[in-house]
N, C-alpha and C. Protein backbone atom coordinates (compact mmCIF):
# COMPACT_ATOMS: atom_id res chain seq x y z
N MET A 1 337.98 115.93 36.43
CA MET A 1 337.98 117.04 36.07
C MET A 1 338.96 117.30 34.97
N ALA A 2 338.23 118.00 33.83
CA ALA A 2 339.15 118.43 32.98
C ALA A 2 339.52 120.01 32.89
N SER A 3 340.38 120.28 32.59
CA SER A 3 340.74 121.81 32.58
C SER A 3 340.88 122.46 31.32
N ASP A 4 341.63 121.82 30.64
CA ASP A 4 341.99 122.42 29.12
C ASP A 4 340.75 122.49 28.13
N ILE A 5 340.33 123.59 27.67
CA ILE A 5 338.95 123.75 26.79
C ILE A 5 338.86 122.89 25.73
N ASN A 6 340.36 122.76 25.20
CA ASN A 6 340.54 122.06 24.00
C ASN A 6 340.49 120.56 24.03
N VAL A 7 340.89 120.11 25.31
CA VAL A 7 341.28 118.53 25.44
C VAL A 7 339.71 118.04 25.58
N TRP A 8 338.92 118.59 26.92
CA TRP A 8 337.90 118.00 27.36
C TRP A 8 336.63 117.68 25.99
N LYS A 9 336.69 118.82 24.84
CA LYS A 9 335.61 118.75 24.00
C LYS A 9 335.92 117.51 22.95
N ALA A 10 337.11 117.12 22.91
CA ALA A 10 337.62 116.28 22.10
C ALA A 10 337.49 114.85 22.76
N GLN A 11 337.48 114.72 24.13
CA GLN A 11 337.64 113.54 24.70
C GLN A 11 336.46 112.72 24.27
N SER A 12 336.30 111.38 24.49
CA SER A 12 335.25 110.55 24.56
C SER A 12 334.72 110.20 26.03
N TYR A 13 333.66 110.02 26.23
CA TYR A 13 332.95 110.07 27.23
C TYR A 13 331.89 108.88 27.13
N ARG A 14 331.51 108.50 28.45
CA ARG A 14 330.48 107.28 28.52
C ARG A 14 329.73 107.71 29.61
N CYS A 15 328.11 107.61 29.30
CA CYS A 15 327.33 107.75 30.46
C CYS A 15 327.17 106.58 31.16
N LEU A 16 327.50 106.40 32.43
CA LEU A 16 327.06 105.19 33.15
C LEU A 16 325.69 105.04 33.43
N GLN A 17 324.94 106.09 33.44
CA GLN A 17 323.37 106.02 33.77
C GLN A 17 322.78 105.34 32.45
N CYS A 18 323.13 105.94 31.24
CA CYS A 18 322.28 105.14 30.19
C CYS A 18 322.88 104.73 28.79
N ASN A 19 324.24 104.66 29.36
CA ASN A 19 325.37 104.00 28.26
C ASN A 19 325.53 104.96 27.06
N TRP A 20 325.13 106.25 27.01
CA TRP A 20 325.24 107.10 25.82
C TRP A 20 326.88 107.20 25.63
N GLN A 21 327.47 107.28 24.24
CA GLN A 21 328.90 107.55 24.22
C GLN A 21 328.86 108.63 23.18
N GLY A 22 329.85 109.30 23.65
CA GLY A 22 330.11 110.69 22.58
C GLY A 22 331.52 111.58 23.01
N THR A 23 331.58 112.61 22.45
CA THR A 23 332.63 113.62 22.95
C THR A 23 332.01 114.61 23.87
N GLY A 24 333.03 115.30 24.48
CA GLY A 24 332.76 116.30 25.72
C GLY A 24 331.96 117.70 24.82
N ALA A 25 332.27 117.90 23.55
CA ALA A 25 331.37 118.88 22.82
C ALA A 25 329.78 118.58 22.68
N GLU A 26 329.44 117.38 22.79
CA GLU A 26 328.10 116.81 22.54
C GLU A 26 327.28 117.21 23.80
N CYS A 27 328.19 117.43 24.85
CA CYS A 27 327.57 117.34 26.12
C CYS A 27 326.87 118.65 26.31
N ARG A 28 325.81 118.62 27.23
CA ARG A 28 325.25 119.91 27.75
C ARG A 28 325.67 120.50 29.23
N GLN A 29 325.64 121.95 29.18
CA GLN A 29 326.12 122.54 30.37
C GLN A 29 325.31 122.17 31.68
N GLY A 30 325.64 121.89 32.78
CA GLY A 30 324.87 121.25 33.93
C GLY A 30 324.99 122.45 34.99
N GLU A 31 325.07 122.12 36.18
CA GLU A 31 325.07 122.98 37.38
C GLU A 31 326.51 123.57 37.62
N ALA A 32 326.45 124.67 38.24
CA ALA A 32 327.84 125.31 38.66
C ALA A 32 328.20 124.52 39.96
N HIS A 33 329.44 124.20 40.30
CA HIS A 33 329.98 123.62 41.51
C HIS A 33 331.07 124.65 41.77
N GLY A 34 330.84 125.93 42.82
CA GLY A 34 331.98 126.63 42.83
C GLY A 34 332.44 127.44 41.61
N THR A 35 333.91 127.02 41.51
CA THR A 35 334.37 127.69 40.32
C THR A 35 334.47 126.67 39.14
N LEU A 36 333.71 125.47 39.27
CA LEU A 36 333.79 124.57 37.88
C LEU A 36 332.13 124.26 37.62
N VAL A 37 332.13 124.05 36.34
CA VAL A 37 330.85 123.74 35.56
C VAL A 37 330.56 122.29 35.39
N GLY A 38 329.57 121.82 35.80
CA GLY A 38 329.40 120.22 35.44
C GLY A 38 329.05 120.13 33.94
N LEU A 39 329.12 119.02 33.30
CA LEU A 39 328.66 118.80 31.84
C LEU A 39 327.89 117.49 31.91
N VAL A 40 326.85 117.52 31.31
CA VAL A 40 325.87 116.28 31.46
C VAL A 40 325.47 115.58 30.10
N CYS A 41 325.19 114.46 30.50
CA CYS A 41 324.76 113.55 29.19
C CYS A 41 323.61 114.09 28.47
N PRO A 42 323.91 114.10 27.07
CA PRO A 42 322.62 114.86 26.31
C PRO A 42 321.50 113.94 26.34
N ARG A 43 321.62 112.62 26.68
CA ARG A 43 320.49 111.70 26.42
C ARG A 43 319.60 111.76 27.89
N CYS A 44 320.30 111.56 28.69
CA CYS A 44 319.47 111.53 30.23
C CYS A 44 319.90 112.50 31.17
N ALA A 45 320.83 113.49 31.00
CA ALA A 45 321.15 114.57 31.79
C ALA A 45 321.78 114.14 33.06
N ASP A 46 322.44 113.02 33.12
CA ASP A 46 323.30 112.55 34.23
C ASP A 46 324.44 113.47 34.04
N GLU A 47 325.15 114.07 35.12
CA GLU A 47 326.47 114.42 35.23
C GLU A 47 327.62 113.66 34.92
N LEU A 48 328.10 114.15 33.78
CA LEU A 48 329.49 113.24 33.33
C LEU A 48 330.75 113.53 33.73
N PHE A 49 330.87 114.99 34.09
CA PHE A 49 332.49 115.45 34.53
C PHE A 49 332.16 116.83 34.50
N ALA A 50 333.34 117.65 35.07
CA ALA A 50 333.12 118.94 35.51
C ALA A 50 334.36 119.66 34.62
N VAL A 51 334.33 121.02 34.46
CA VAL A 51 335.52 121.57 33.84
C VAL A 51 335.47 123.11 34.48
N ALA A 52 336.77 123.32 34.73
CA ALA A 52 337.08 124.53 35.08
C ALA A 52 336.90 125.84 33.83
N PRO A 53 336.39 127.00 33.94
CA PRO A 53 336.10 127.76 32.67
C PRO A 53 337.72 128.17 32.26
N PRO A 54 337.59 128.47 30.95
CA PRO A 54 339.22 128.78 30.49
C PRO A 54 339.43 130.08 31.25
N SER A 55 341.08 129.94 31.65
CA SER A 55 341.62 131.27 31.97
C SER A 55 341.77 132.04 31.48
N ASP A 56 342.03 133.40 31.93
CA ASP A 56 342.25 134.74 30.97
C ASP A 56 343.47 134.42 29.67
N ALA A 57 344.37 133.50 30.52
CA ALA A 57 345.67 133.32 29.38
C ALA A 57 344.98 132.41 28.53
N GLN A 58 344.42 131.55 28.55
CA GLN A 58 343.64 130.43 27.41
C GLN A 58 342.76 131.26 26.64
N THR A 59 341.98 132.08 27.36
CA THR A 59 341.08 132.98 26.19
C THR A 59 341.88 133.53 25.39
N GLY A 60 342.82 134.18 25.90
CA GLY A 60 343.89 135.16 25.10
C GLY A 60 344.73 134.39 23.87
N LEU A 61 344.81 133.04 24.44
CA LEU A 61 345.73 132.25 23.30
C LEU A 61 344.66 131.72 22.25
N ASN A 62 343.28 131.55 22.68
CA ASN A 62 342.57 131.06 21.56
C ASN A 62 341.39 131.94 21.09
N TRP A 63 342.01 133.25 20.99
CA TRP A 63 340.81 134.42 20.92
C TRP A 63 340.16 133.97 19.33
N ALA A 64 340.98 133.34 18.45
CA ALA A 64 340.39 132.98 17.20
C ALA A 64 339.42 131.99 17.02
N LEU A 65 339.43 131.18 18.26
CA LEU A 65 338.40 130.03 18.31
C LEU A 65 336.97 130.65 18.40
N PRO A 66 336.82 131.29 19.43
CA PRO A 66 335.42 131.40 19.70
C PRO A 66 334.43 132.41 18.73
N PRO A 67 333.13 131.81 18.32
CA PRO A 67 332.43 132.62 17.43
C PRO A 67 332.33 134.09 17.85
N ASP A 68 332.04 134.83 16.98
CA ASP A 68 331.63 136.48 17.42
C ASP A 68 331.06 136.77 18.40
N GLY A 69 329.84 135.62 18.93
CA GLY A 69 329.13 136.05 19.99
C GLY A 69 329.87 135.80 21.37
N GLY A 70 330.86 134.78 21.38
CA GLY A 70 331.54 134.50 22.30
C GLY A 70 332.56 135.85 22.53
N LYS A 71 333.21 136.30 21.38
CA LYS A 71 334.12 137.40 21.73
C LYS A 71 333.41 138.45 22.11
N ARG A 72 331.96 139.09 21.64
CA ARG A 72 331.36 139.98 22.11
C ARG A 72 331.22 139.78 23.85
N GLN A 73 330.69 138.64 24.05
CA GLN A 73 330.64 138.13 25.55
C GLN A 73 331.89 138.52 26.39
N ALA A 74 332.95 138.24 25.82
CA ALA A 74 334.31 138.10 26.30
C ALA A 74 334.50 139.73 26.59
N ARG A 75 334.32 140.47 25.75
CA ARG A 75 334.55 141.88 25.74
C ARG A 75 333.76 142.57 26.58
N LEU A 76 332.31 142.02 26.79
CA LEU A 76 331.42 142.54 27.61
C LEU A 76 331.66 142.45 29.35
N LEU A 77 332.10 141.16 29.40
CA LEU A 77 332.97 140.84 30.80
C LEU A 77 333.92 141.71 31.01
N GLU A 78 334.95 141.92 30.14
CA GLU A 78 336.22 142.67 30.10
C GLU A 78 335.78 144.06 30.70
N LYS A 79 334.85 144.65 29.85
CA LYS A 79 334.06 146.05 30.36
C LYS A 79 333.64 145.94 31.50
N GLY A 80 332.72 145.17 31.89
CA GLY A 80 332.25 145.04 33.33
C GLY A 80 333.27 145.15 34.55
N LEU A 81 334.32 144.16 34.27
CA LEU A 81 335.48 144.03 35.21
C LEU A 81 335.96 145.50 35.18
N ASN A 82 336.63 145.97 34.23
CA ASN A 82 337.30 147.52 34.13
C ASN A 82 336.25 148.21 35.01
N GLU A 83 335.07 148.21 34.69
CA GLU A 83 334.23 149.55 35.26
C GLU A 83 334.11 149.19 36.78
N PHE A 84 334.17 147.88 37.21
CA PHE A 84 334.28 147.74 38.62
C PHE A 84 335.41 148.14 39.25
N ALA A 85 336.55 147.68 38.51
CA ALA A 85 338.00 148.18 39.15
C ALA A 85 338.10 149.79 39.24
N GLU A 86 337.51 150.38 38.29
CA GLU A 86 337.72 151.75 38.44
C GLU A 86 336.64 152.46 39.39
N ARG A 87 335.41 151.96 39.56
CA ARG A 87 334.42 152.58 40.69
C ARG A 87 334.25 151.89 42.04
N SER A 88 335.23 150.90 42.06
CA SER A 88 334.73 150.16 43.31
C SER A 88 335.50 150.66 44.75
N LEU A 89 334.94 150.46 45.90
CA LEU A 89 335.66 151.38 47.15
C LEU A 89 336.90 150.65 47.25
N LEU A 90 338.05 151.51 47.31
CA LEU A 90 339.30 151.06 47.51
C LEU A 90 339.88 151.72 48.91
N SER A 91 339.78 152.85 49.15
CA SER A 91 340.21 153.32 50.14
C SER A 91 339.38 153.82 51.48
N LEU A 92 339.78 153.94 52.74
CA LEU A 92 338.93 154.43 53.65
C LEU A 92 338.62 155.91 53.66
N GLY A 93 339.46 156.79 52.75
CA GLY A 93 339.21 158.02 52.43
C GLY A 93 338.11 158.53 51.53
N GLU A 94 337.72 157.44 50.74
CA GLU A 94 336.67 157.63 50.04
C GLU A 94 335.28 157.65 50.47
N LEU A 95 335.50 157.13 51.92
CA LEU A 95 334.13 157.27 52.70
C LEU A 95 333.88 158.53 53.47
N PRO A 96 332.73 159.20 53.30
CA PRO A 96 332.47 160.39 53.91
C PRO A 96 332.42 160.30 55.83
N ASP A 97 332.63 161.52 56.37
CA ASP A 97 332.30 161.43 57.74
C ASP A 97 330.88 161.29 57.85
N LEU A 98 330.46 160.67 58.94
CA LEU A 98 328.95 160.20 59.41
C LEU A 98 328.78 160.75 60.66
N PRO A 99 327.72 161.58 61.00
CA PRO A 99 327.51 161.87 62.37
C PRO A 99 326.72 160.69 63.27
N GLY A 100 326.69 160.77 64.58
CA GLY A 100 326.13 159.92 65.33
C GLY A 100 327.15 159.04 65.75
N ALA A 101 326.71 158.29 67.09
CA ALA A 101 327.43 157.55 67.96
C ALA A 101 327.20 156.23 67.46
N ASP A 102 325.94 155.72 66.83
CA ASP A 102 325.60 154.45 66.63
C ASP A 102 325.02 154.29 65.10
N LEU A 103 326.02 153.82 64.34
CA LEU A 103 325.86 153.73 62.88
C LEU A 103 325.27 152.31 62.37
N VAL A 104 323.90 152.39 61.81
CA VAL A 104 323.66 151.33 61.03
C VAL A 104 323.33 151.66 59.65
N LEU A 105 324.13 150.72 58.83
CA LEU A 105 324.24 151.19 57.28
C LEU A 105 323.27 150.23 56.74
N VAL A 106 322.82 150.17 55.39
CA VAL A 106 322.09 149.55 54.59
C VAL A 106 322.86 149.06 53.32
N TRP A 107 323.13 147.98 53.07
CA TRP A 107 323.68 147.55 51.55
C TRP A 107 322.19 147.11 50.73
N ASP A 108 322.14 147.90 49.60
CA ASP A 108 321.18 148.01 48.92
C ASP A 108 321.45 147.94 47.44
N ILE A 109 320.50 147.61 46.71
CA ILE A 109 320.94 147.57 44.97
C ILE A 109 319.75 148.40 44.31
N GLU A 110 320.20 148.97 43.48
CA GLU A 110 319.40 149.82 42.44
C GLU A 110 318.25 148.87 41.81
N ASP A 111 318.37 147.88 41.39
CA ASP A 111 317.55 146.85 40.72
C ASP A 111 317.68 145.54 40.99
N ALA A 112 316.77 144.84 41.78
CA ALA A 112 316.66 143.56 42.15
C ALA A 112 316.73 142.40 41.12
N GLN A 113 316.34 142.68 39.91
CA GLN A 113 316.44 141.84 38.82
C GLN A 113 317.68 141.98 37.78
N ARG A 114 317.93 143.26 37.86
CA ARG A 114 319.22 143.35 36.88
C ARG A 114 320.40 143.78 37.50
N GLY A 115 320.44 144.23 38.60
CA GLY A 115 321.52 144.76 39.33
C GLY A 115 321.74 146.12 39.16
N GLY A 116 322.50 146.57 38.26
CA GLY A 116 322.84 148.03 38.34
C GLY A 116 323.88 148.60 39.17
N GLU A 117 323.41 149.24 40.21
CA GLU A 117 324.52 149.51 41.14
C GLU A 117 324.23 149.09 42.51
N THR A 118 325.19 148.72 43.46
CA THR A 118 325.05 148.39 44.88
C THR A 118 325.29 149.70 45.52
N PHE A 119 324.67 149.69 46.59
CA PHE A 119 324.89 151.29 47.25
C PHE A 119 324.75 150.91 48.62
N ILE A 120 325.53 152.00 49.53
CA ILE A 120 325.37 151.73 50.94
C ILE A 120 324.61 153.11 51.57
N ARG A 121 323.66 152.83 52.33
CA ARG A 121 322.84 153.97 52.73
C ARG A 121 323.19 154.22 53.95
N HIS A 122 323.02 155.34 54.59
CA HIS A 122 322.89 156.00 56.09
C HIS A 122 321.66 156.47 56.03
N GLY A 123 320.61 156.06 56.71
CA GLY A 123 319.27 156.79 56.66
C GLY A 123 318.82 156.81 54.98
N GLU A 124 318.45 158.07 54.55
CA GLU A 124 318.13 158.46 53.41
C GLU A 124 319.47 158.64 52.27
N HIS A 125 320.65 158.63 53.14
CA HIS A 125 321.66 159.46 52.39
C HIS A 125 322.55 158.51 51.76
N VAL A 126 323.03 158.18 50.49
CA VAL A 126 323.82 157.30 49.89
C VAL A 126 325.36 157.85 49.96
N ILE A 127 325.77 156.70 50.77
CA ILE A 127 327.45 157.09 51.16
C ILE A 127 328.53 156.42 50.31
N TRP A 128 328.08 155.62 49.51
CA TRP A 128 328.82 154.88 48.50
C TRP A 128 328.06 154.26 47.51
N ARG A 129 328.36 154.09 46.14
CA ARG A 129 327.76 153.21 45.06
C ARG A 129 328.75 152.84 44.00
N GLU A 130 328.65 151.41 43.78
CA GLU A 130 329.40 150.93 42.78
C GLU A 130 328.71 150.01 41.92
N PRO A 131 329.14 149.25 40.86
CA PRO A 131 328.55 148.45 40.06
C PRO A 131 328.25 147.30 40.76
N ALA A 132 327.14 146.72 40.63
CA ALA A 132 326.65 145.36 41.32
C ALA A 132 327.38 144.34 40.84
N ARG A 133 327.60 143.11 41.79
CA ARG A 133 328.14 141.88 41.16
C ARG A 133 327.29 140.89 41.77
N PHE A 134 327.11 139.86 40.77
CA PHE A 134 326.32 138.73 41.38
C PHE A 134 327.06 137.92 42.20
N GLU A 135 326.50 137.10 43.25
CA GLU A 135 326.95 136.64 44.54
C GLU A 135 328.15 137.36 44.88
N SER A 136 327.83 138.50 45.41
CA SER A 136 328.61 139.42 45.97
C SER A 136 328.86 139.23 47.66
N CYS A 137 328.78 138.20 48.36
CA CYS A 137 329.06 137.83 49.71
C CYS A 137 330.53 138.07 49.87
N GLU A 138 331.48 138.04 49.15
CA GLU A 138 332.86 138.33 49.49
C GLU A 138 333.21 139.91 49.49
N ARG A 139 332.28 140.51 48.38
CA ARG A 139 332.36 141.94 48.30
C ARG A 139 331.88 142.27 49.85
N PHE A 140 330.74 142.03 50.22
CA PHE A 140 330.01 142.54 51.30
C PHE A 140 330.77 142.39 52.43
N ILE A 141 331.47 141.37 52.62
CA ILE A 141 332.53 141.02 53.83
C ILE A 141 333.53 141.90 53.79
N LYS A 142 334.26 141.93 52.51
CA LYS A 142 335.64 143.07 52.47
C LYS A 142 334.70 144.62 52.59
N VAL A 143 333.90 145.02 52.19
CA VAL A 143 333.35 146.41 52.46
C VAL A 143 332.96 146.60 53.75
N ALA A 144 332.51 145.45 54.63
CA ALA A 144 332.10 145.51 55.72
C ALA A 144 333.28 145.87 56.81
N HIS A 145 334.22 145.26 56.30
CA HIS A 145 335.75 145.55 57.27
C HIS A 145 336.31 146.80 57.13
N MET A 146 336.21 147.41 55.73
CA MET A 146 336.47 148.57 55.44
C MET A 146 335.63 149.55 56.18
N LEU A 147 334.19 149.01 56.10
CA LEU A 147 333.29 150.32 57.12
C LEU A 147 333.59 150.33 58.66
N LYS A 148 334.10 149.09 59.09
CA LYS A 148 334.41 148.96 60.42
C LYS A 148 335.68 149.53 60.84
N ALA A 149 336.57 149.62 59.92
CA ALA A 149 337.92 150.22 60.12
C ALA A 149 337.78 151.88 59.70
N ARG A 150 336.63 152.32 59.15
CA ARG A 150 336.64 153.63 58.91
C ARG A 150 335.82 154.23 60.00
N TYR A 151 334.66 153.75 60.56
CA TYR A 151 333.79 154.25 61.43
C TYR A 151 333.93 153.56 62.82
N GLY A 152 334.92 152.57 63.03
CA GLY A 152 335.33 152.04 64.28
C GLY A 152 334.18 151.50 65.07
N ASP A 153 334.16 151.65 66.62
CA ASP A 153 333.07 151.04 67.15
C ASP A 153 331.66 151.78 67.00
N ARG A 154 331.65 152.97 66.14
CA ARG A 154 330.38 153.51 66.05
C ARG A 154 329.60 152.56 64.95
N LEU A 155 330.11 152.14 64.13
CA LEU A 155 329.44 150.87 63.36
C LEU A 155 328.96 149.79 64.01
N GLN A 156 327.68 150.05 64.00
CA GLN A 156 326.63 148.66 64.75
C GLN A 156 326.45 147.53 63.68
N ASP A 157 326.21 148.01 62.37
CA ASP A 157 325.54 146.73 61.72
C ASP A 157 325.58 147.49 60.26
N LEU A 158 325.53 146.57 59.19
CA LEU A 158 325.68 146.47 57.79
C LEU A 158 324.55 145.67 57.33
N VAL A 159 323.21 146.37 57.30
CA VAL A 159 322.22 145.45 56.94
C VAL A 159 321.73 145.31 55.42
N PRO A 160 321.79 143.79 54.92
CA PRO A 160 321.20 143.75 53.62
C PRO A 160 319.92 144.01 53.52
N ALA A 161 319.74 144.88 52.51
CA ALA A 161 318.22 145.35 52.02
C ALA A 161 317.45 143.83 51.38
N ARG A 162 316.47 143.88 51.83
CA ARG A 162 315.57 142.46 51.02
C ARG A 162 315.74 142.39 49.84
N ARG A 163 315.85 143.30 48.73
CA ARG A 163 315.99 143.32 47.72
C ARG A 163 317.06 143.09 47.10
N SER A 164 318.20 143.40 47.76
CA SER A 164 319.40 142.76 47.65
C SER A 164 320.09 141.54 47.76
N ARG A 165 319.25 140.58 48.44
CA ARG A 165 319.64 139.55 48.43
C ARG A 165 320.04 138.51 47.58
N LEU A 166 319.36 138.53 46.37
CA LEU A 166 319.27 137.67 45.28
C LEU A 166 320.83 137.82 44.89
N TRP A 167 321.18 138.97 44.56
CA TRP A 167 322.53 139.79 44.10
C TRP A 167 323.52 139.22 44.90
N LEU A 168 323.20 139.50 46.45
CA LEU A 168 324.04 139.20 47.28
C LEU A 168 324.41 137.64 47.50
N TYR A 169 323.54 137.00 47.81
CA TYR A 169 323.73 135.67 48.12
C TYR A 169 324.09 134.67 46.97
N GLY A 170 323.22 134.87 45.73
CA GLY A 170 323.48 134.11 44.29
C GLY A 170 322.68 132.78 44.79
N ASP A 171 323.65 131.93 44.20
CA ASP A 171 323.31 130.30 44.36
C ASP A 171 324.27 129.82 45.53
N ALA A 172 325.07 130.45 45.98
CA ALA A 172 325.88 130.03 47.13
C ALA A 172 325.27 129.88 48.40
N LEU A 173 325.18 128.65 48.83
CA LEU A 173 324.28 127.98 49.85
C LEU A 173 324.84 128.47 51.13
N ASP A 174 326.17 129.03 51.41
CA ASP A 174 326.94 129.50 52.45
C ASP A 174 326.67 130.96 52.70
N SER A 175 326.34 131.61 51.73
CA SER A 175 326.43 132.86 51.68
C SER A 175 325.44 133.71 52.55
N PRO A 176 324.19 133.32 53.19
CA PRO A 176 323.64 133.67 54.12
C PRO A 176 324.37 133.74 55.49
N ARG A 177 324.73 132.15 55.87
CA ARG A 177 325.59 132.24 57.02
C ARG A 177 326.83 133.10 57.11
N ARG A 178 327.36 133.38 56.02
CA ARG A 178 328.55 134.07 55.99
C ARG A 178 328.52 135.47 56.12
N ILE A 179 327.36 136.14 55.66
CA ILE A 179 326.94 137.56 55.92
C ILE A 179 326.65 137.52 57.32
N SER A 180 325.70 136.41 58.02
CA SER A 180 325.47 136.79 59.36
C SER A 180 326.70 136.99 60.23
N ASP A 181 327.36 135.78 59.98
CA ASP A 181 328.82 135.86 60.66
C ASP A 181 329.27 137.15 60.76
N CYS A 182 329.70 137.69 59.35
CA CYS A 182 330.18 139.00 59.18
C CYS A 182 329.43 140.10 60.14
N ARG A 183 328.20 140.07 60.00
CA ARG A 183 327.42 141.20 60.66
C ARG A 183 327.36 141.11 62.10
N GLU A 184 327.67 139.82 62.74
CA GLU A 184 327.98 139.64 64.27
C GLU A 184 329.01 140.28 64.62
N THR A 185 330.17 140.60 63.75
CA THR A 185 331.43 141.02 64.19
C THR A 185 331.35 142.53 64.10
N LEU A 186 330.44 143.11 63.55
CA LEU A 186 330.36 144.42 63.47
C LEU A 186 329.75 145.21 64.67
N GLY A 187 329.00 144.92 65.36
CA GLY A 187 328.37 145.56 66.33
C GLY A 187 327.29 144.98 67.41
N THR A 188 326.74 145.54 68.28
CA THR A 188 325.53 145.07 69.29
C THR A 188 324.24 144.72 68.61
N TYR A 189 324.05 145.71 67.30
CA TYR A 189 322.71 145.54 66.94
C TYR A 189 322.65 144.49 65.89
N ALA A 190 323.93 143.69 65.64
CA ALA A 190 323.72 142.59 64.42
C ALA A 190 322.65 141.47 65.14
N ARG A 191 322.20 140.82 64.01
CA ARG A 191 321.42 139.65 64.56
C ARG A 191 321.99 138.27 63.88
């Protein structure tokens, strides 16, 4: 695995599948592997190596290197992260009082294709909304624990709406199991 963006691009690589030789900069992006991205042979598409995306510190140190499009993308990402930090659920006091002995809440999304906002419903009433995050399994689990802390034994389930599943699970194969495990801890209605 190479980690420094300037090192792997300049290094020479040889494909064991087709015998292509060239630099990392000539390789194409392949599949994501957790926090790594595979880079593939430009001739046969066999994966040659994986790299970690540049850290925030590396991006800051190399700000002059990316083209304008890369800088715009970095600014949009930073804007999205800041908006999420400002609008995400942080404390139990932000959640309203809810009537009823058995609460079943729904994790939903504004737009199944583009995201928009994730929201939590109790019946037809939205009790919380925040910017949607792709592959939000970790966020679901964290919010579920906050809901359980706020509503106690009255919370029976946090049900993912069908249209929220793409953004909730993403490409992480273990997300459905992790969501199911989390839901089982919430109450007797969880499946």
